[in-house]
């Protein structure tokens, strides 16, 4: 079988695809629509160090432990634009009978 010549850009693309194939992509939003229940308690939250907001009034959305496959995976926090009349309710793991449930973070109307 004859090998086809590969350009440098083609070789670089193939190398990048190979290296990235081992990456784990973690969803930034609620896993499976929220309400995930697992039997393993989440680790302690990670300490996040962040700089000033990108614009006045932005809100820091703290990171959280998500459940991916069969383990906890940290999803880092990020800045988000404020929403008038709303406040951010963070993700949290709640103990329930026989396990832990992930309640997704969400914007809630103020005064609730």
PDB file of N, CA and C in Angstrom:
ATOM      1  N   UNK A   1       0.846  -1.165   0.000  1.00  0.00           N
ATOM      2  CA  UNK A   1       0.000   0.000   0.000  1.00  0.00           C
ATOM      3  C   UNK A   1       0.894   1.231   0.000  1.00  0.00           C
ATOM      4  N   UNK A   2       0.601   2.208  -0.842  1.00  0.00           N
ATOM      5  CA  UNK A   2       1.390   3.428  -0.930  1.00  0.00           C
ATOM      6  C   UNK A   2       0.885   4.454   0.072  1.00  0.00           C
ATOM      7  N   UNK A   3       1.802   5.099   0.752  1.00  0.00           N
ATOM      8  CA  UNK A   3       1.429   6.155   1.693  1.00  0.00           C
ATOM      9  C   UNK A   3       1.200   7.448   0.927  1.00  0.00           C
ATOM     10  N   UNK A   4       0.184   8.182   1.299  1.00  0.00           N
ATOM     11  CA  UNK A   4      -0.114   9.472   0.678  1.00  0.00           C
ATOM     12  C   UNK A   4       0.732  10.548   1.336  1.00  0.00           C
ATOM     13  N   UNK A   5       1.239  11.501   0.556  1.00  0.00           N
ATOM     14  CA  UNK A   5       2.001  12.580   1.178  1.00  0.00           C
ATOM     15  C   UNK A   5       1.083  13.439   2.048  1.00  0.00           C
ATOM     16  N   UNK A   6       1.597  13.871   3.203  1.00  0.00           N
ATOM     17  CA  UNK A   6       0.817  14.705   4.124  1.00  0.00           C
ATOM     18  C   UNK A   6       1.517  16.053   4.245  1.00  0.00           C
ATOM     19  N   UNK A   7       0.752  17.117   4.082  1.00  0.00           N
ATOM     20  CA  UNK A   7       1.315  18.460   4.220  1.00  0.00           C
ATOM     21  C   UNK A   7       1.603  18.734   5.699  1.00  0.00           C
ATOM     22  N   UNK A   8       2.395  19.770   5.955  1.00  0.00           N
ATOM     23  CA  UNK A   8       2.689  20.122   7.351  1.00  0.00           C
ATOM     24  C   UNK A   8       1.422  20.498   8.105  1.00  0.00           C
ATOM     25  N   UNK A   9       0.521  21.228   7.443  1.00  0.00           N
ATOM     26  CA  UNK A   9      -0.719  21.622   8.135  1.00  0.00           C
ATOM     27  C   UNK A   9      -1.590  20.402   8.410  1.00  0.00           C
ATOM     28  N   UNK A  10      -1.588  19.441   7.490  1.00  0.00           N
ATOM     29  CA  UNK A  10      -2.351  18.210   7.711  1.00  0.00           C
ATOM     30  C   UNK A  10      -1.782  17.407   8.858  1.00  0.00           C
ATOM     31  N   UNK A  11      -0.446  17.357   8.937  1.00  0.00           N
ATOM     32  CA  UNK A  11       0.198  16.636  10.030  1.00  0.00           C
ATOM     33  C   UNK A  11      -0.084  17.326  11.362  1.00  0.00           C
ATOM     34  N   UNK A  12      -0.041  18.660  11.372  1.00  0.00           N
ATOM     35  CA  UNK A  12      -0.327  19.405  12.600  1.00  0.00           C
ATOM     36  C   UNK A  12      -1.771  19.178  13.037  1.00  0.00           C
ATOM     37  N   UNK A  13      -2.679  19.158  12.084  1.00  0.00           N
ATOM     38  CA  UNK A  13      -4.091  18.926  12.396  1.00  0.00           C
ATOM     39  C   UNK A  13      -4.283  17.523  12.969  1.00  0.00           C
ATOM     40  N   UNK A  14      -3.618  16.530  12.367  1.00  0.00           N
ATOM     41  CA  UNK A  14      -3.722  15.156  12.861  1.00  0.00           C
ATOM     42  C   UNK A  14      -3.159  15.047  14.274  1.00  0.00           C
ATOM     43  N   UNK A  15      -2.026  15.712  14.531  1.00  0.00           N
ATOM     44  CA  UNK A  15      -1.426  15.693  15.868  1.00  0.00           C
ATOM     45  C   UNK A  15      -2.352  16.353  16.885  1.00  0.00           C
ATOM     46  N   UNK A  16      -2.921  17.506  16.522  1.00  0.00           N
ATOM     47  CA  UNK A  16      -3.841  18.201  17.428  1.00  0.00           C
ATOM     48  C   UNK A  16      -5.057  17.338  17.740  1.00  0.00           C
ATOM     49  N   UNK A  17      -5.601  16.675  16.735  1.00  0.00           N
ATOM     50  CA  UNK A  17      -6.772  15.817  16.946  1.00  0.00           C
ATOM     51  C   UNK A  17      -6.428  14.664  17.885  1.00  0.00           C
ATOM     52  N   UNK A  18      -5.237  14.110  17.725  1.00  0.00           N
ATOM     53  CA  UNK A  18      -4.804  13.011  18.583  1.00  0.00           C
ATOM     54  C   UNK A  18      -4.651  13.483  20.030  1.00  0.00           C
ATOM     55  N   UNK A  19      -4.005  14.638  20.215  1.00  0.00           N
ATOM     56  CA  UNK A  19      -3.802  15.155  21.569  1.00  0.00           C
ATOM     57  C   UNK A  19      -5.108  15.533  22.238  1.00  0.00           C
ATOM     58  N   UNK A  20      -6.026  16.136  21.494  1.00  0.00           N
ATOM     59  CA  UNK A  20      -7.292  16.581  22.072  1.00  0.00           C
ATOM     60  C   UNK A  20      -8.267  15.440  22.309  1.00  0.00           C
ATOM     61  N   UNK A  21      -8.038  14.302  21.701  1.00  0.00           N
ATOM     62  CA  UNK A  21      -8.965  13.181  21.868  1.00  0.00           C
ATOM     63  C   UNK A  21      -8.984  12.672  23.309  1.00  0.00           C
ATOM     64  N   UNK A  22      -7.950  12.999  24.095  1.00  0.00           N
ATOM     65  CA  UNK A  22      -7.912  12.579  25.492  1.00  0.00           C
ATOM     66  C   UNK A  22      -8.508  13.585  26.443  1.00  0.00           C
ATOM     67  N   UNK A  23      -8.998  14.718  25.944  1.00  0.00           N
ATOM     68  CA  UNK A  23      -9.563  15.761  26.806  1.00  0.00           C
ATOM     69  C   UNK A  23     -10.927  15.340  27.332  1.00  0.00           C
ATOM     70  N   UNK A  24     -11.257  15.814  28.513  1.00  0.00           N
ATOM     71  CA  UNK A  24     -12.576  15.592  29.087  1.00  0.00           C
ATOM     72  C   UNK A  24     -13.323  16.912  29.028  1.00  0.00           C
ATOM     73  N   UNK A  25     -14.483  16.902  28.417  1.00  0.00           N
ATOM     74  CA  UNK A  25     -15.304  18.099  28.340  1.00  0.00           C
ATOM     75  C   UNK A  25     -16.380  17.993  29.406  1.00  0.00           C
ATOM     76  N   UNK A  26     -16.449  19.001  30.261  1.00  0.00           N
ATOM     77  CA  UNK A  26     -17.416  19.010  31.350  1.00  0.00           C
ATOM     78  C   UNK A  26     -18.464  20.062  31.044  1.00  0.00           C
ATOM     79  N   UNK A  27     -19.740  19.704  31.069  1.00  0.00           N
ATOM     80  CA  UNK A  27     -20.761  20.693  30.793  1.00  0.00           C
ATOM     81  C   UNK A  27     -20.766  21.800  31.834  1.00  0.00           C
ATOM     82  N   UNK A  28     -20.995  23.026  31.380  1.00  0.00           N
ATOM     83  CA  UNK A  28     -21.011  24.160  32.297  1.00  0.00           C
ATOM     84  C   UNK A  28     -22.357  24.313  32.967  1.00  0.00           C
ATOM     85  N   UNK A  29     -23.361  23.745  32.405  1.00  0.00           N
ATOM     86  CA  UNK A  29     -24.709  23.896  32.938  1.00  0.00           C
ATOM     87  C   UNK A  29     -25.110  22.716  33.789  1.00  0.00           C
ATOM     88  N   UNK A  30     -26.366  22.664  34.152  1.00  0.00           N
ATOM     89  CA  UNK A  30     -26.839  21.578  34.994  1.00  0.00           C
ATOM     90  C   UNK A  30     -26.659  20.232  34.304  1.00  0.00           C
ATOM     91  N   UNK A  31     -26.102  19.232  34.981  1.00  0.00           N
ATOM     92  CA  UNK A  31     -25.921  17.928  34.369  1.00  0.00           C
ATOM     93  C   UNK A  31     -27.250  17.225  34.168  1.00  0.00           C
ATOM     94  N   UNK A  32     -27.505  16.769  32.988  1.00  0.00           N
ATOM     95  CA  UNK A  32     -28.720  16.016  32.665  1.00  0.00           C
ATOM     96  C   UNK A  32     -29.980  16.734  33.140  1.00  0.00           C
ATOM     97  N   UNK A  33     -29.998  18.058  33.026  1.00  0.00           N
ATOM     98  CA  UNK A  33     -31.172  18.810  33.442  1.00  0.00           C
ATOM     99  C   UNK A  33     -31.268  19.021  34.935  1.00  0.00           C
ATOM    100  N   UNK A  34     -30.260  18.618  35.699  1.00  0.00           N
ATOM    101  CA  UNK A  34     -30.266  18.817  37.145  1.00  0.00           C
ATOM    102  C   UNK A  34     -30.843  17.622  37.874  1.00  0.00           C
ATOM    103  N   UNK A  35     -30.741  17.649  39.169  1.00  0.00           N
ATOM    104  CA  UNK A  35     -31.312  16.602  39.986  1.00  0.00           C
ATOM    105  C   UNK A  35     -30.552  15.289  39.965  1.00  0.00           C
ATOM    106  N   UNK A  36     -29.260  15.296  39.614  1.00  0.00           N
ATOM    107  CA  UNK A  36     -28.460  14.079  39.600  1.00  0.00           C
ATOM    108  C   UNK A  36     -28.323  13.555  41.021  1.00  0.00           C
ATOM    109  N   UNK A  37     -28.512  12.252  41.223  1.00  0.00           N
ATOM    110  CA  UNK A  37     -28.372  11.630  42.540  1.00  0.00           C
ATOM    111  C   UNK A  37     -27.267  10.592  42.462  1.00  0.00           C
ATOM    112  N   UNK A  38     -26.300  10.677  43.399  1.00  0.00           N
ATOM    113  CA  UNK A  38     -25.195   9.730  43.438  1.00  0.00           C
ATOM    114  C   UNK A  38     -24.985   9.259  44.868  1.00  0.00           C
ATOM    115  N   UNK A  39     -24.266   8.161  45.031  1.00  0.00           N
ATOM    116  CA  UNK A  39     -24.015   7.618  46.360  1.00  0.00           C
ATOM    117  C   UNK A  39     -22.720   8.094  46.995  1.00  0.00           C
ATOM    118  N   UNK A  40     -21.972   8.952  46.298  1.00  0.00           N
ATOM    119  CA  UNK A  40     -20.671   9.413  46.778  1.00  0.00           C
ATOM    120  C   UNK A  40     -20.745  10.896  47.121  1.00  0.00           C
ATOM    121  N   UNK A  41     -20.387  11.237  48.352  1.00  0.00           N
ATOM    122  CA  UNK A  41     -20.404  12.648  48.762  1.00  0.00           C
ATOM    123  C   UNK A  41     -19.380  13.433  47.942  1.00  0.00           C
ATOM    124  N   UNK A  42     -19.694  14.690  47.607  1.00  0.00           N
ATOM    125  CA  UNK A  42     -18.729  15.500  46.854  1.00  0.00           C
ATOM    126  C   UNK A  42     -17.553  15.898  47.737  1.00  0.00           C
ATOM    127  N   UNK A  43     -16.382  16.104  47.123  1.00  0.00           N
ATOM    128  CA  UNK A  43     -15.243  16.619  47.892  1.00  0.00           C
ATOM    129  C   UNK A  43     -15.537  18.049  48.361  1.00  0.00           C
ATOM    130  N   UNK A  44     -14.671  18.560  49.217  1.00  0.00           N
ATOM    131  CA  UNK A  44     -14.801  19.958  49.644  1.00  0.00           C
ATOM    132  C   UNK A  44     -14.640  20.863  48.425  1.00  0.00           C
ATOM    133  N   UNK A  45     -15.350  22.000  48.392  1.00  0.00           N
ATOM    134  CA  UNK A  45     -15.195  22.908  47.256  1.00  0.00           C
ATOM    135  C   UNK A  45     -13.739  23.350  47.100  1.00  0.00           C
ATOM    136  N   UNK A  46     -13.333  23.549  45.867  1.00  0.00           N
ATOM    137  CA  UNK A  46     -11.986  24.049  45.606  1.00  0.00           C
ATOM    138  C   UNK A  46     -11.961  25.553  45.845  1.00  0.00           C
ATOM    139  N   UNK A  47     -10.820  26.041  46.281  1.00  0.00           N
ATOM    140  CA  UNK A  47     -10.650  27.479  46.462  1.00  0.00           C
ATOM    141  C   UNK A  47     -10.370  28.077  45.092  1.00  0.00           C
ATOM    142  N   UNK A  48     -11.163  29.061  44.707  1.00  0.00           N
ATOM    143  CA  UNK A  48     -10.981  29.707  43.414  1.00  0.00           C
ATOM    144  C   UNK A  48     -10.473  31.129  43.627  1.00  0.00           C
ATOM    145  N   UNK A  49      -9.456  31.469  42.892  1.00  0.00           N
ATOM    146  CA  UNK A  49      -8.904  32.815  42.937  1.00  0.00           C
ATOM    147  C   UNK A  49      -9.269  33.465  41.614  1.00  0.00           C
ATOM    148  N   UNK A  50      -9.917  34.615  41.693  1.00  0.00           N
ATOM    149  CA  UNK A  50     -10.342  35.274  40.459  1.00  0.00           C
ATOM    150  C   UNK A  50     -10.055  36.768  40.559  1.00  0.00           C
ATOM    151  N   UNK A  51      -9.875  37.378  39.421  1.00  0.00           N
ATOM    152  CA  UNK A  51      -9.574  38.800  39.363  1.00  0.00           C
ATOM    153  C   UNK A  51     -10.834  39.637  39.351  1.00  0.00           C
ATOM    154  N   UNK A  52     -10.677  40.891  39.000  1.00  0.00           N
ATOM    155  CA  UNK A  52     -11.832  41.796  38.967  1.00  0.00           C
ATOM    156  C   UNK A  52     -12.804  41.409  37.851  1.00  0.00           C
ATOM    157  N   UNK A  53     -14.068  41.792  37.998  1.00  0.00           N
ATOM    158  CA  UNK A  53     -15.055  41.456  36.967  1.00  0.00           C
ATOM    159  C   UNK A  53     -14.728  42.157  35.649  1.00  0.00           C
ATOM    160  N   UNK A  54     -15.196  41.596  34.547  1.00  0.00           N
ATOM    161  CA  UNK A  54     -14.937  42.197  33.240  1.00  0.00           C
ATOM    162  C   UNK A  54     -15.689  43.515  33.033  1.00  0.00           C
ATOM    163  N   UNK A  55     -16.736  43.727  33.814  1.00  0.00           N
ATOM    164  CA  UNK A  55     -17.514  44.963  33.732  1.00  0.00           C
ATOM    165  C   UNK A  55     -18.170  45.202  35.089  1.00  0.00           C
ATOM    166  N   UNK A  56     -18.504  46.449  35.365  1.00  0.00           N
ATOM    167  CA  UNK A  56     -19.134  46.810  36.631  1.00  0.00           C
ATOM    168  C   UNK A  56     -20.438  46.030  36.809  1.00  0.00           C
ATOM    169  N   UNK A  57     -20.618  45.483  38.011  1.00  0.00           N
ATOM    170  CA  UNK A  57     -21.863  44.797  38.337  1.00  0.00           C
ATOM    171  C   UNK A  57     -21.877  43.318  38.022  1.00  0.00           C
ATOM    172  N   UNK A  58     -20.866  42.798  37.320  1.00  0.00           N
ATOM    173  CA  UNK A  58     -20.868  41.373  36.998  1.00  0.00           C
ATOM    174  C   UNK A  58     -20.852  40.543  38.274  1.00  0.00           C
ATOM    175  N   UNK A  59     -21.397  39.340  38.197  1.00  0.00           N
ATOM    176  CA  UNK A  59     -21.550  38.450  39.342  1.00  0.00           C
ATOM    177  C   UNK A  59     -20.639  37.236  39.150  1.00  0.00           C
ATOM    178  N   UNK A  60     -19.923  36.865  40.219  1.00  0.00           N
ATOM    179  CA  UNK A  60     -19.095  35.669  40.160  1.00  0.00           C
ATOM    180  C   UNK A  60     -19.971  34.447  40.401  1.00  0.00           C
ATOM    181  N   UNK A  61     -19.984  33.522  39.452  1.00  0.00           N
ATOM    182  CA  UNK A  61     -20.707  32.255  39.575  1.00  0.00           C
ATOM    183  C   UNK A  61     -19.650  31.233  39.990  1.00  0.00           C
ATOM    184  N   UNK A  62     -19.680  30.833  41.251  1.00  0.00           N
ATOM    185  CA  UNK A  62     -18.651  29.943  41.781  1.00  0.00           C
ATOM    186  C   UNK A  62     -18.675  28.562  41.146  1.00  0.00           C
ATOM    187  N   UNK A  63     -17.521  27.920  41.139  1.00  0.00           N
ATOM    188  CA  UNK A  63     -17.415  26.569  40.603  1.00  0.00           C
ATOM    189  C   UNK A  63     -18.138  25.558  41.483  1.00  0.00           C
ATOM    190  N   UNK A  64     -18.259  24.351  40.974  1.00  0.00           N
ATOM    191  CA  UNK A  64     -18.958  23.295  41.710  1.00  0.00           C
ATOM    192  C   UNK A  64     -18.467  21.935  41.246  1.00  0.00           C
ATOM    193  N   UNK A  65     -18.725  20.932  42.067  1.00  0.00           N
ATOM    194  CA  UNK A  65     -18.415  19.557  41.694  1.00  0.00           C
ATOM    195  C   UNK A  65     -19.590  18.995  40.907  1.00  0.00           C
ATOM    196  N   UNK A  66     -19.337  18.585  39.690  1.00  0.00           N
ATOM    197  CA  UNK A  66     -20.344  17.935  38.846  1.00  0.00           C
ATOM    198  C   UNK A  66     -20.092  16.435  38.905  1.00  0.00           C
ATOM    199  N   UNK A  67     -21.065  15.641  38.530  1.00  0.00           N
ATOM    200  CA  UNK A  67     -20.895  14.195  38.454  1.00  0.00           C
ATOM    201  C   UNK A  67     -20.810  13.833  36.987  1.00  0.00           C
ATOM    202  N   UNK A  68     -19.655  13.307  36.571  1.00  0.00           N
ATOM    203  CA  UNK A  68     -19.436  12.946  35.169  1.00  0.00           C
ATOM    204  C   UNK A  68     -18.967  11.502  35.126  1.00  0.00           C
ATOM    205  N   UNK A  69     -19.714  10.665  34.415  1.00  0.00           N
ATOM    206  CA  UNK A  69     -19.365   9.240  34.360  1.00  0.00           C
ATOM    207  C   UNK A  69     -19.582   8.614  35.711  1.00  0.00           C
ATOM    208  N   UNK A  70     -18.499   8.334  36.414  1.00  0.00           N
ATOM    209  CA  UNK A  70     -18.622   7.731  37.749  1.00  0.00           C
ATOM    210  C   UNK A  70     -17.734   8.444  38.762  1.00  0.00           C
ATOM    211  N   UNK A  71     -17.560   9.765  38.570  1.00  0.00           N
ATOM    212  CA  UNK A  71     -16.722  10.511  39.517  1.00  0.00           C
ATOM    213  C   UNK A  71     -17.102  11.986  39.535  1.00  0.00           C
ATOM    214  N   UNK A  72     -16.692  12.660  40.604  1.00  0.00           N
ATOM    215  CA  UNK A  72     -16.882  14.103  40.717  1.00  0.00           C
ATOM    216  C   UNK A  72     -15.808  14.805  39.898  1.00  0.00           C
ATOM    217  N   UNK A  73     -16.209  15.823  39.138  1.00  0.00           N
ATOM    218  CA  UNK A  73     -15.290  16.614  38.317  1.00  0.00           C
ATOM    219  C   UNK A  73     -15.572  18.083  38.610  1.00  0.00           C
ATOM    220  N   UNK A  74     -14.519  18.854  38.908  1.00  0.00           N
ATOM    221  CA  UNK A  74     -14.682  20.266  39.230  1.00  0.00           C
ATOM    222  C   UNK A  74     -14.980  21.083  37.975  1.00  0.00           C
ATOM    223  N   UNK A  75     -16.027  21.899  38.040  1.00  0.00           N
ATOM    224  CA  UNK A  75     -16.367  22.844  36.972  1.00  0.00           C
ATOM    225  C   UNK A  75     -15.999  24.226  37.506  1.00  0.00           C
ATOM    226  N   UNK A  76     -15.029  24.896  36.882  1.00  0.00           N
ATOM    227  CA  UNK A  76     -14.579  26.188  37.411  1.00  0.00           C
ATOM    228  C   UNK A  76     -15.653  27.272  37.309  1.00  0.00           C
ATOM    229  N   UNK A  77     -15.541  28.252  38.218  1.00  0.00           N
ATOM    230  CA  UNK A  77     -16.467  29.381  38.204  1.00  0.00           C
ATOM    231  C   UNK A  77     -16.179  30.339  37.055  1.00  0.00           C
ATOM    232  N   UNK A  78     -17.072  31.307  36.896  1.00  0.00           N
ATOM    233  CA  UNK A  78     -16.923  32.298  35.827  1.00  0.00           C
ATOM    234  C   UNK A  78     -17.728  33.549  36.169  1.00  0.00           C
ATOM    235  N   UNK A  79     -17.419  34.634  35.505  1.00  0.00           N
ATOM    236  CA  UNK A  79     -18.178  35.876  35.665  1.00  0.00           C
ATOM    237  C   UNK A  79     -19.393  35.819  34.752  1.00  0.00           C
ATOM    238  N   UNK A  80     -20.510  36.388  35.211  1.00  0.00           N
ATOM    239  CA  UNK A  80     -21.726  36.440  34.398  1.00  0.00           C
ATOM    240  C   UNK A  80     -22.346  37.823  34.537  1.00  0.00           C
ATOM    241  N   UNK A  81     -23.010  38.238  33.483  1.00  0.00           N
ATOM    242  CA  UNK A  81     -23.690  39.530  33.501  1.00  0.00           C
ATOM    243  C   UNK A  81     -24.838  39.483  34.505  1.00  0.00           C
ATOM    244  N   UNK A  82     -25.050  40.577  35.225  1.00  0.00           N
ATOM    245  CA  UNK A  82     -26.154  40.595  36.191  1.00  0.00           C
ATOM    246  C   UNK A  82     -27.501  40.544  35.472  1.00  0.00           C
ATOM    247  N   UNK A  83     -28.502  40.083  36.168  1.00  0.00           N
ATOM    248  CA  UNK A  83     -29.870  40.042  35.631  1.00  0.00           C
ATOM    249  C   UNK A  83     -30.751  40.856  36.567  1.00  0.00           C
ATOM    250  N   UNK A  84     -31.283  41.911  36.047  1.00  0.00           N
ATOM    251  CA  UNK A  84     -32.085  42.835  36.849  1.00  0.00           C
ATOM    252  C   UNK A  84     -33.249  42.116  37.522  1.00  0.00           C
ATOM    253  N   UNK A  85     -33.346  42.289  38.844  1.00  0.00           N
ATOM    254  CA  UNK A  85     -34.438  41.672  39.609  1.00  0.00           C
ATOM    255  C   UNK A  85     -34.183  40.224  39.999  1.00  0.00           C
ATOM    256  N   UNK A  86     -32.976  39.718  39.722  1.00  0.00           N
ATOM    257  CA  UNK A  86     -32.642  38.327  40.038  1.00  0.00           C
ATOM    258  C   UNK A  86     -31.364  38.261  40.859  1.00  0.00           C
ATOM    259  N   UNK A  87     -31.210  37.152  41.570  1.00  0.00           N
ATOM    260  CA  UNK A  87     -29.972  36.860  42.286  1.00  0.00           C
ATOM    261  C   UNK A  87     -29.555  35.445  41.918  1.00  0.00           C
ATOM    262  N   UNK A  88     -28.251  35.171  41.998  1.00  0.00           N
ATOM    263  CA  UNK A  88     -27.734  33.839  41.668  1.00  0.00           C
ATOM    264  C   UNK A  88     -27.836  32.912  42.871  1.00  0.00           C
ATOM    265  N   UNK A  89     -28.481  31.767  42.701  1.00  0.00           N
ATOM    266  CA  UNK A  89     -28.535  30.711  43.716  1.00  0.00           C
ATOM    267  C   UNK A  89     -27.557  29.633  43.257  1.00  0.00           C
ATOM    268  N   UNK A  90     -26.470  29.406  43.997  1.00  0.00           N
ATOM    269  CA  UNK A  90     -25.406  28.506  43.526  1.00  0.00           C
ATOM    270  C   UNK A  90     -25.797  27.032  43.475  1.00  0.00           C
ATOM    271  N   UNK A  91     -25.020  26.282  42.691  1.00  0.00           N
ATOM    272  CA  UNK A  91     -25.143  24.826  42.687  1.00  0.00           C
ATOM    273  C   UNK A  91     -24.875  24.334  44.101  1.00  0.00           C
ATOM    274  N   UNK A  92     -25.542  23.242  44.487  1.00  0.00           N
ATOM    275  CA  UNK A  92     -25.251  22.678  45.803  1.00  0.00           C
ATOM    276  C   UNK A  92     -25.625  21.204  45.818  1.00  0.00           C
ATOM    277  N   UNK A  93     -24.869  20.467  46.593  1.00  0.00           N
ATOM    278  CA  UNK A  93     -25.158  19.053  46.801  1.00  0.00           C
ATOM    279  C   UNK A  93     -25.964  18.923  48.082  1.00  0.00           C
ATOM    280  N   UNK A  94     -27.127  18.285  47.987  1.00  0.00           N
ATOM    281  CA  UNK A  94     -28.004  18.107  49.142  1.00  0.00           C
ATOM    282  C   UNK A  94     -28.040  16.632  49.523  1.00  0.00           C
ATOM    283  N   UNK A  95     -27.821  16.324  50.809  1.00  0.00           N
ATOM    284  CA  UNK A  95     -27.919  14.920  51.222  1.00  0.00           C
ATOM    285  C   UNK A  95     -29.373  14.456  51.134  1.00  0.00           C
ATOM    286  N   UNK A  96     -29.558  13.280  50.582  1.00  0.00           N
ATOM    287  CA  UNK A  96     -30.900  12.677  50.529  1.00  0.00           C
ATOM    288  C   UNK A  96     -30.752  11.220  50.939  1.00  0.00           C
ATOM    289  N   UNK A  97     -31.856  10.549  51.120  1.00  0.00           N
ATOM    290  CA  UNK A  97     -31.841   9.152  51.539  1.00  0.00           C
ATOM    291  C   UNK A  97     -30.941   8.310  50.626  1.00  0.00           C
ATOM    292  N   UNK A  98     -29.845   7.825  51.194  1.00  0.00           N
ATOM    293  CA  UNK A  98     -28.972   6.927  50.447  1.00  0.00           C
ATOM    294  C   UNK A  98     -28.008   7.593  49.485  1.00  0.00           C
ATOM    295  N   UNK A  99     -27.910   8.916  49.489  1.00  0.00           N
ATOM    296  CA  UNK A  99     -26.974   9.532  48.561  1.00  0.00           C
ATOM    297  C   UNK A  99     -26.958  11.050  48.622  1.00  0.00           C
ATOM    298  N   UNK A 100     -26.555  11.637  47.510  1.00  0.00           N
ATOM    299  CA  UNK A 100     -26.430  13.083  47.373  1.00  0.00           C
ATOM    300  C   UNK A 100     -27.068  13.512  46.070  1.00  0.00           C
ATOM    301  N   UNK A 101     -27.810  14.632  46.100  1.00  0.00           N
ATOM    302  CA  UNK A 101     -28.464  15.162  44.902  1.00  0.00           C
ATOM    303  C   UNK A 101     -27.857  16.512  44.560  1.00  0.00           C
ATOM    304  N   UNK A 102     -27.511  16.699  43.287  1.00  0.00           N
ATOM    305  CA  UNK A 102     -27.004  17.985  42.822  1.00  0.00           C
ATOM    306  C   UNK A 102     -28.163  18.869  42.405  1.00  0.00           C
ATOM    307  N   UNK A 103     -28.344  19.963  43.142  1.00  0.00           N
ATOM    308  CA  UNK A 103     -29.348  20.957  42.766  1.00  0.00           C
ATOM    309  C   UNK A 103     -28.640  21.988  41.892  1.00  0.00           C
ATOM    310  N   UNK A 104     -29.100  22.169  40.665  1.00  0.00           N
ATOM    311  CA  UNK A 104     -28.402  23.081  39.748  1.00  0.00           C
ATOM    312  C   UNK A 104     -28.484  24.536  40.195  1.00  0.00           C
ATOM    313  N   UNK A 105     -27.441  25.289  39.872  1.00  0.00           N
ATOM    314  CA  UNK A 105     -27.461  26.721  40.120  1.00  0.00           C
ATOM    315  C   UNK A 105     -28.478  27.370  39.189  1.00  0.00           C
ATOM    316  N   UNK A 106     -28.993  28.532  39.613  1.00  0.00           N
ATOM    317  CA  UNK A 106     -30.028  29.188  38.796  1.00  0.00           C
ATOM    318  C   UNK A 106     -30.186  30.640  39.223  1.00  0.00           C
ATOM    319  N   UNK A 107     -30.739  31.428  38.330  1.00  0.00           N
ATOM    320  CA  UNK A 107     -31.101  32.798  38.658  1.00  0.00           C
ATOM    321  C   UNK A 107     -32.504  32.765  39.250  1.00  0.00           C
ATOM    322  N   UNK A 108     -32.664  33.340  40.449  1.00  0.00           N
ATOM    323  CA  UNK A 108     -33.965  33.396  41.113  1.00  0.00           C
ATOM    324  C   UNK A 108     -34.408  34.834  41.260  1.00  0.00           C
ATOM    325  N   UNK A 109     -35.702  35.058  41.162  1.00  0.00           N
ATOM    326  CA  UNK A 109     -36.227  36.403  41.378  1.00  0.00           C
ATOM    327  C   UNK A 109     -35.896  36.844  42.789  1.00  0.00           C
ATOM    328  N   UNK A 110     -35.491  38.096  42.954  1.00  0.00           N
ATOM    329  CA  UNK A 110     -35.199  38.615  44.282  1.00  0.00           C
ATOM    330  C   UNK A 110     -36.487  38.642  45.088  1.00  0.00           C
ATOM    331  N   UNK A 111     -36.351  38.429  46.402  1.00  0.00           N
ATOM    332  CA  UNK A 111     -37.508  38.448  47.273  1.00  0.00           C
ATOM    333  C   UNK A 111     -38.159  37.101  47.435  1.00  0.00           C
ATOM    334  N   UNK A 112     -37.613  36.041  46.828  1.00  0.00           N
ATOM    335  CA  UNK A 112     -38.154  34.696  46.987  1.00  0.00           C
ATOM    336  C   UNK A 112     -37.588  34.024  48.182  1.00  0.00           C
TER     337      UNK A 112
END
